C-alpha atoms as a PDB file:
ATOM      1  CA  UNK A   1      65.633 -57.699 -48.632  1.00  0.00           C
ATOM      2  CA  UNK A   2      65.301 -61.370 -48.106  1.00  0.00           C
ATOM      3  CA  UNK A   3      63.163 -63.077 -45.541  1.00  0.00           C
ATOM      4  CA  UNK A   4      66.329 -64.122 -43.740  1.00  0.00           C
ATOM      5  CA  UNK A   5      67.456 -60.475 -43.368  1.00  0.00           C
ATOM      6  CA  UNK A   6      64.021 -59.442 -42.134  1.00  0.00           C
ATOM      7  CA  UNK A   7      63.963 -62.292 -39.621  1.00  0.00           C
ATOM      8  CA  UNK A   8      67.382 -61.239 -38.328  1.00  0.00           C
ATOM      9  CA  UNK A   9      66.285 -57.626 -37.964  1.00  0.00           C
ATOM     10  CA  UNK A  10      63.075 -58.649 -36.206  1.00  0.00           C
ATOM     11  CA  UNK A  11      65.019 -60.925 -33.852  1.00  0.00           C
ATOM     12  CA  UNK A  12      67.424 -58.063 -33.095  1.00  0.00           C
ATOM     13  CA  UNK A  13      64.515 -55.728 -32.344  1.00  0.00           C
ATOM     14  CA  UNK A  14      62.847 -58.327 -30.120  1.00  0.00           C
ATOM     15  CA  UNK A  15      66.080 -58.741 -28.146  1.00  0.00           C
ATOM     16  CA  UNK A  16      66.329 -54.969 -27.681  1.00  0.00           C
ATOM     17  CA  UNK A  17      62.708 -54.761 -26.532  1.00  0.00           C
ATOM     18  CA  UNK A  18      63.253 -57.617 -24.069  1.00  0.00           C
ATOM     19  CA  UNK A  19      66.353 -55.890 -22.703  1.00  0.00           C
ATOM     20  CA  UNK A  20      64.507 -52.582 -22.338  1.00  0.00           C
ATOM     21  CA  UNK A  21      61.567 -54.290 -20.603  1.00  0.00           C
ATOM     22  CA  UNK A  22      63.947 -55.875 -18.067  1.00  0.00           C
ATOM     23  CA  UNK A  23      65.670 -52.529 -17.601  1.00  0.00           C
ATOM     24  CA  UNK A  24      62.372 -50.711 -16.980  1.00  0.00           C
ATOM     25  CA  UNK A  25      61.295 -53.387 -14.498  1.00  0.00           C
ATOM     26  CA  UNK A  26      64.593 -53.044 -12.621  1.00  0.00           C
ATOM     27  CA  UNK A  27      64.230 -49.252 -12.580  1.00  0.00           C
ATOM     28  CA  UNK A  28      60.674 -49.529 -11.256  1.00  0.00           C
ATOM     29  CA  UNK A  29      61.902 -51.750  -8.427  1.00  0.00           C
ATOM     30  CA  UNK A  30      64.667 -49.288  -7.513  1.00  0.00           C
ATOM     31  CA  UNK A  31      62.251 -46.346  -7.657  1.00  0.00           C
ATOM     32  CA  UNK A  32      59.879 -48.113  -5.246  1.00  0.00           C
ATOM     33  CA  UNK A  33      62.762 -48.859  -2.868  1.00  0.00           C
ATOM     34  CA  UNK A  34      63.903 -45.233  -3.023  1.00  0.00           C
ATOM     35  CA  UNK A  35      60.356 -44.026  -2.446  1.00  0.00           C
ATOM     36  CA  UNK A  36      60.075 -46.191   0.683  1.00  0.00           C
ATOM     37  CA  UNK A  37      63.476 -44.997   1.890  1.00  0.00           C
ATOM     38  CA  UNK A  38      62.506 -41.367   1.315  1.00  0.00           C
ATOM     39  CA  UNK A  39      59.302 -41.847   3.303  1.00  0.00           C
ATOM     40  CA  UNK A  40      61.280 -43.330   6.213  1.00  0.00           C
ATOM     41  CA  UNK A  41      63.870 -40.535   6.078  1.00  0.00           C
ATOM     42  CA  UNK A  42      61.125 -37.895   6.048  1.00  0.00           C
ATOM     43  CA  UNK A  43      59.448 -39.499   9.056  1.00  0.00           C
ATOM     44  CA  UNK A  44      62.757 -39.641  10.932  1.00  0.00           C
ATOM     45  CA  UNK A  45      63.553 -36.032  10.024  1.00  0.00           C
ATOM     46  CA  UNK A  46      60.130 -34.945  11.259  1.00  0.00           C
ATOM     47  CA  UNK A  47      60.708 -36.786  14.535  1.00  0.00           C
ATOM     48  CA  UNK A  48      64.160 -35.201  14.948  1.00  0.00           C
ATOM     49  CA  UNK A  49      62.781 -31.742  14.223  1.00  0.00           C
ATOM     50  CA  UNK A  50      60.068 -32.271  16.801  1.00  0.00           C
ATOM     51  CA  UNK A  51      62.664 -33.394  19.342  1.00  0.00           C
ATOM     52  CA  UNK A  52      64.855 -30.403  18.562  1.00  0.00           C
ATOM     53  CA  UNK A  53      61.830 -28.136  18.934  1.00  0.00           C
ATOM     54  CA  UNK A  54      60.999 -29.709  22.292  1.00  0.00           C
ATOM     55  CA  UNK A  55      64.533 -29.294  23.594  1.00  0.00           C
ATOM     56  CA  UNK A  56      64.582 -25.734  22.283  1.00  0.00           C
ATOM     57  CA  UNK A  57      61.371 -24.978  24.153  1.00  0.00           C
ATOM     58  CA  UNK A  58      62.888 -26.422  27.339  1.00  0.00           C
ATOM     59  CA  UNK A  59      66.008 -24.315  27.063  1.00  0.00           C
ATOM     60  CA  UNK A  60      68.077 -27.065  25.446  1.00  0.00           C
ATOM     61  CA  UNK A  61      71.605 -27.952  26.383  1.00  0.00           C
ATOM     62  CA  UNK A  62      74.122 -25.228  25.685  1.00  0.00           C
ATOM     63  CA  UNK A  63      71.565 -22.419  25.650  1.00  0.00           C
ATOM     64  CA  UNK A  64      71.081 -19.488  27.996  1.00  0.00           C
ATOM     65  CA  UNK A  65      67.764 -18.270  29.382  1.00  0.00           C
ATOM     66  CA  UNK A  66      67.017 -16.326  26.197  1.00  0.00           C
ATOM     67  CA  UNK A  67      67.435 -19.437  24.043  1.00  0.00           C
ATOM     68  CA  UNK A  68      70.712 -18.185  22.573  1.00  0.00           C
ATOM     69  CA  UNK A  69      73.685 -20.518  22.313  1.00  0.00           C
ATOM     70  CA  UNK A  70      76.228 -20.022  25.091  1.00  0.00           C
ATOM     71  CA  UNK A  71      79.887 -19.566  24.332  1.00  0.00           C
ATOM     72  CA  UNK A  72      81.393 -22.799  25.603  1.00  0.00           C
ATOM     73  CA  UNK A  73      84.710 -24.417  25.066  1.00  0.00           C
ATOM     74  CA  UNK A  74      84.572 -27.395  22.722  1.00  0.00           C
ATOM     75  CA  UNK A  75      84.906 -30.756  24.512  1.00  0.00           C
ATOM     76  CA  UNK A  76      88.470 -31.312  23.272  1.00  0.00           C
ATOM     77  CA  UNK A  77      89.861 -28.412  25.417  1.00  0.00           C
END
């Protein structure tokens, strides 16, 4: 192999490494964004579950005295 062939192969490998480094950096950024989004969704879900638990403890709309759902007509009737 000549020095020219080796230089071309090295250049090709350097380009691939640079591409992969950019790709990994982009993936890291997306993973951080998804992690933040997941934390917000979990917090919102916790809040909604607490609200649902509070309304369930207070009888909640559409429930009878025993906490069971009442048979009601859907709103479109």
